[in-house]
Protein backbone atom coordinates (compact mmCIF):
# COMPACT_ATOMS: atom_id res chain seq x y z
CA MET A 1 12.06 18.16 -3.75
CA LEU A 2 10.19 16.88 -0.27
CA SER A 3 12.92 14.15 1.17
CA LYS A 4 11.60 10.75 2.13
CA THR A 5 12.26 11.25 5.95
CA ILE A 6 10.12 14.41 5.53
CA THR A 7 7.40 12.71 3.51
CA LYS A 8 7.85 9.89 6.28
CA ARG A 9 7.12 12.34 9.20
CA ILE A 10 4.31 14.37 7.48
CA THR A 11 2.71 11.29 6.46
CA SER A 12 2.73 9.66 9.90
CA LEU A 13 0.59 12.88 11.20
CA HIS A 14 -2.48 11.35 9.30
CA LEU A 15 -2.29 8.98 12.60
CA LYS A 16 -3.41 10.05 16.03
CA LYS A 17 -0.62 7.95 17.88
CA PHE A 18 1.92 10.24 15.62
CA ARG A 19 0.23 13.55 15.91
CA GLN A 20 0.41 12.83 20.29
CA GLN A 21 4.06 12.05 20.08
CA GLU A 22 5.22 14.94 17.61
CA GLN A 23 2.63 17.47 19.19
CA LEU A 24 2.33 18.40 15.59
CA PHE A 25 -0.72 18.15 13.18
CA ILE A 26 -1.47 19.10 9.59
CA ALA A 27 -3.48 21.76 8.34
CA GLU A 28 -4.81 22.18 4.38
CA GLY A 29 -6.53 24.73 2.52
CA VAL A 30 -5.62 28.65 1.89
CA LYS A 31 -8.74 29.54 4.19
CA VAL A 32 -7.23 26.90 7.28
CA VAL A 33 -3.48 27.94 6.88
CA SER A 34 -4.23 31.29 6.46
CA GLU A 35 -6.58 31.50 9.39
CA LEU A 36 -4.09 29.53 11.77
CA ILE A 37 -0.97 31.51 11.05
CA ALA A 38 -2.90 34.81 11.58
CA ALA A 39 -4.08 33.33 14.82
CA GLY A 40 -0.29 32.55 16.39
CA TYR A 41 -0.32 28.68 15.22
CA PHE A 42 3.53 27.84 14.60
CA ALA A 43 4.14 26.41 11.56
CA GLU A 44 6.78 23.75 11.55
CA TYR A 45 6.63 23.23 7.86
CA LEU A 46 4.79 25.21 4.88
CA PHE A 47 4.32 23.58 1.66
CA THR A 48 2.49 25.47 -1.87
CA THR A 49 2.31 24.49 -5.24
CA ALA A 50 2.69 27.22 -8.01
CA GLY A 51 -0.29 28.47 -8.00
CA THR A 52 -0.29 29.70 -4.16
CA LYS A 53 3.57 30.49 -4.12
CA GLN A 54 2.81 34.31 -4.08
CA GLN A 55 0.12 34.45 -1.52
CA PHE A 56 2.89 32.24 0.92
CA SER A 57 5.80 33.83 -0.17
CA ALA A 58 7.95 31.67 3.20
CA ALA A 59 6.30 28.77 1.79
CA THR A 60 8.35 25.84 0.22
CA LEU A 61 7.52 25.21 -3.15
CA ILE A 62 6.61 21.58 -4.63
CA ASP A 63 4.94 19.99 -6.94
CA GLU A 64 1.59 18.60 -7.30
CA ALA A 65 2.50 15.20 -7.26
CA GLU A 66 4.71 15.42 -3.95
CA MET A 67 1.63 17.29 -2.35
CA LYS A 68 -0.60 14.20 -3.11
CA ARG A 69 1.79 12.39 -1.51
CA ILE A 70 1.74 14.23 1.97
CA SER A 71 -2.22 15.34 2.20
CA ALA A 72 -4.35 13.33 4.48
CA LEU A 73 -7.59 14.54 2.13
CA ALA A 74 -8.66 13.00 -0.92
CA ASP A 75 -8.44 15.72 -3.09
CA ALA A 76 -5.28 17.89 -1.67
CA SER A 77 -4.80 21.23 -1.54
CA PRO A 78 -2.55 23.56 -2.85
CA VAL A 79 -1.36 24.47 0.66
CA LEU A 80 -0.49 21.98 2.96
CA ALA A 81 0.89 23.05 6.82
CA VAL A 82 2.48 21.49 9.81
CA PHE A 83 1.78 23.00 12.83
CA ARG A 84 2.55 22.95 16.41
CA ILE A 85 -0.16 21.68 18.63
CA PRO A 86 -0.40 24.19 21.56
CA LYS A 87 -0.74 23.59 25.04
CA ALA A 88 -4.34 22.41 26.07
CA THR A 89 -6.69 24.87 27.66
CA SER A 90 -8.35 24.86 30.78
CA PHE A 91 -12.25 24.19 31.11
CA LYS A 92 -14.03 27.04 31.70
CA LEU A 93 -18.20 27.31 31.60
CA ASP A 94 -19.11 29.27 28.85
CA GLU A 95 -22.86 31.48 28.44
CA ILE A 96 -23.45 28.26 26.20
CA THR A 97 -20.73 25.27 26.69
CA VAL A 98 -21.52 23.08 23.89
CA VAL A 99 -20.91 19.40 25.02
CA ALA A 100 -20.03 16.30 22.46
CA ASP A 101 -20.60 13.12 23.99
CA GLY A 102 -18.72 10.90 22.36
CA ILE A 103 -19.22 12.30 18.43
CA ARG A 104 -16.69 10.37 16.11
CA ASP A 105 -17.29 11.64 12.25
CA PRO A 106 -14.49 13.85 11.62
CA GLY A 107 -16.72 15.65 9.46
CA ASN A 108 -19.29 16.28 11.81
CA PHE A 109 -17.37 17.60 14.34
CA GLY A 110 -15.08 19.88 12.00
CA ALA A 111 -18.60 21.54 11.10
CA LEU A 112 -19.79 21.30 15.39
CA ILE A 113 -16.64 23.55 15.91
CA ARG A 114 -17.33 26.14 13.28
CA LEU A 115 -21.24 26.30 14.65
CA CYS A 116 -19.90 26.89 17.45
CA ASP A 117 -17.61 30.19 16.34
CA TRP A 118 -20.77 31.15 14.38
CA PHE A 119 -23.02 31.34 17.31
CA GLY A 120 -20.34 32.81 19.60
CA VAL A 121 -19.57 29.88 21.63
CA SER A 122 -16.34 29.92 23.21
CA GLN A 123 -16.02 26.57 24.79
CA LEU A 124 -16.77 23.09 23.60
CA LEU A 125 -16.91 20.08 25.77
CA CYS A 126 -16.05 16.87 24.65
CA ALA A 127 -15.91 13.09 26.04
CA PRO A 128 -12.55 11.80 25.78
CA ASP A 129 -13.80 9.22 23.28
CA THR A 130 -14.81 11.78 20.92
CA VAL A 131 -12.54 11.93 17.58
CA ASP A 132 -9.27 13.95 18.32
CA LEU A 133 -9.33 17.66 17.46
CA TYR A 134 -6.47 17.36 15.20
CA ASN A 135 -7.58 14.80 12.81
CA PRO A 136 -6.41 16.41 9.24
CA LYS A 137 -10.46 16.01 8.41
CA VAL A 138 -11.55 18.03 11.57
CA VAL A 139 -9.28 20.84 11.02
CA GLN A 140 -10.31 20.81 7.36
CA ALA A 141 -14.20 20.70 8.04
CA SER A 142 -13.77 23.54 10.84
CA MET A 143 -12.35 25.82 8.27
CA GLY A 144 -10.09 27.74 10.73
CA SER A 145 -12.62 27.97 13.96
CA MET A 146 -10.50 25.69 15.98
CA ALA A 147 -8.63 28.81 16.58
CA ARG A 148 -11.56 30.46 18.33
CA VAL A 149 -13.16 27.96 20.16
CA ARG A 150 -11.47 26.20 23.70
CA VAL A 151 -11.88 22.54 22.99
CA THR A 152 -11.43 20.36 26.08
CA TYR A 153 -11.40 16.58 26.49
CA GLN A 154 -12.41 15.72 29.90
CA ASP A 155 -15.33 13.48 31.96
CA ILE A 156 -18.32 15.52 31.07
CA SER A 157 -20.32 13.96 34.49
CA ASN A 158 -17.23 15.12 36.85
CA THR A 159 -16.85 18.42 35.00
CA ILE A 160 -20.57 19.28 35.54
CA ARG A 161 -20.65 18.29 39.37
CA THR A 162 -17.34 20.50 39.95
CA GLN A 163 -19.16 23.39 37.74
CA PRO A 164 -23.02 22.96 38.08
CA ALA A 165 -25.27 24.71 35.51
CA PRO A 166 -28.23 23.82 33.75
CA VAL A 167 -27.90 20.72 31.61
CA TYR A 168 -29.97 20.18 28.40
CA GLY A 169 -29.52 17.47 26.30
CA ALA A 170 -30.71 17.08 22.48
CA PHE A 171 -33.50 13.90 22.39
CA MET A 172 -35.54 12.72 19.89
CA GLU A 173 -38.60 12.73 22.59
CA GLY A 174 -38.14 15.59 24.67
CA GLU A 175 -39.93 19.09 25.38
CA SER A 176 -40.38 20.95 21.89
CA VAL A 177 -37.07 23.43 22.09
CA TYR A 178 -39.39 25.89 21.00
CA ASN A 179 -41.70 26.21 24.01
CA GLN A 180 -38.85 26.30 26.76
CA VAL A 181 -37.02 29.24 28.35
CA LEU A 182 -33.43 27.99 28.56
CA GLU A 183 -31.51 29.44 31.15
CA THR A 184 -27.45 30.55 31.28
CA PRO A 185 -24.93 29.59 31.73
CA CYS A 186 -25.74 26.10 30.77
CA TYR A 187 -24.74 23.04 29.09
CA LEU A 188 -26.05 21.82 25.87
CA ILE A 189 -25.63 17.61 25.46
CA LEU A 190 -24.99 16.18 21.72
CA GLY A 191 -24.75 12.66 21.64
CA ASN A 192 -23.09 10.07 19.64
CA GLU A 193 -24.18 9.90 15.72
CA ALA A 194 -25.60 6.30 16.07
CA ASN A 195 -26.07 5.82 20.24
CA GLY A 196 -27.03 9.12 20.95
CA ILE A 197 -26.26 10.46 24.67
CA ARG A 198 -25.08 7.57 26.90
CA SER A 199 -26.37 6.75 30.18
CA GLU A 200 -24.26 7.87 32.66
CA THR A 201 -23.85 11.14 31.16
CA GLU A 202 -28.03 11.48 30.56
CA GLU A 203 -28.13 11.30 34.76
CA SER A 204 -26.73 14.87 34.28
CA ILE A 205 -29.42 16.40 31.90
CA THR A 206 -31.76 18.88 33.83
CA LYS A 207 -34.10 18.98 30.94
CA LYS A 208 -34.23 16.77 27.79
CA ILE A 209 -35.32 18.78 24.53
CA SER A 210 -35.64 18.04 20.97
CA ILE A 211 -36.62 19.50 17.73
CA PRO A 212 -40.45 18.86 16.41
CA ARG A 213 -40.59 17.09 13.21
CA TYR A 214 -43.24 18.38 11.13
CA GLY A 215 -43.68 15.83 8.29
CA LYS A 216 -46.99 14.35 8.02
CA LEU A 217 -45.54 10.37 8.10
CA GLN A 218 -42.99 10.99 10.60
CA GLN A 219 -40.53 8.67 9.15
CA THR A 220 -37.45 10.25 9.10
CA GLU A 221 -35.30 8.53 12.23
CA SER A 222 -33.16 11.59 13.52
CA LEU A 223 -31.55 14.43 12.10
CA ASN A 224 -27.60 14.79 11.61
CA VAL A 225 -26.05 16.11 14.97
CA THR A 226 -24.91 19.48 13.50
CA THR A 227 -27.94 19.90 11.90
CA ALA A 228 -29.68 19.53 15.25
CA ALA A 229 -26.73 21.88 17.45
CA ALA A 230 -27.61 24.57 14.51
CA ILE A 231 -31.33 24.56 15.04
CA ILE A 232 -31.11 24.44 18.97
CA LEU A 233 -28.33 27.24 18.94
CA ALA A 234 -30.03 29.66 16.89
CA GLU A 235 -33.20 29.46 19.35
CA MET A 236 -31.19 29.74 22.35
CA ARG A 237 -29.49 32.76 21.20
CA ARG A 238 -32.79 34.10 19.95
CA THR A 239 -34.68 33.99 22.98
CA SER A 240 -31.74 35.21 25.10
CA SER A 241 -31.42 38.00 22.81
CA GLY A 242 -35.01 38.71 23.03
CA ARG A 243 -35.05 38.97 27.27
């Protein structure tokens, strides 16, 4: 049975303030927890319900009601771990460095990390106001890919000045990504879901690129940020592999 002290400590990690204080974060789900353990993350706590106890033999067995109390998700997983936050990694310009300019939705950000992993992007640069990497919903949506992508939070414009490379920004109005030869190494900037790329970041952009619309009425306002990222990254990888 979980003590009140441990329950309170774990549920406090649902909030960024306490994750930073404790230097701990929650991960839930068989795949996510397994991948983080395999990647060398240290588990401060590991809990499982009866159905997955055999797979996680070192875990503490708790019942489903207890798991629901400590879970940060609407539907509790049968496995929950509390991991230590590793030391922050320094920024390193990659062949393609994806830049998140204030992305706030945890699901979008976690999916973006997963996309980076899929397309072999090892560096994700984030504006300081981008959603926290260790938000439980980000961790869940990344599906373990956070273990393979360096996520760095620092000023975007200063970083580009100190480590210069071509800078491409995703806009509604820009040159079609399908008509470009995109140089690498480079930065690919993706903006906030509601407001796009902020003006101070836009000053660093070398070229504005866009995804053309083919619908007859042209009434769709925009694409989800992760959908746009997937299309652009796929095109960048396609053209670079053909050179």
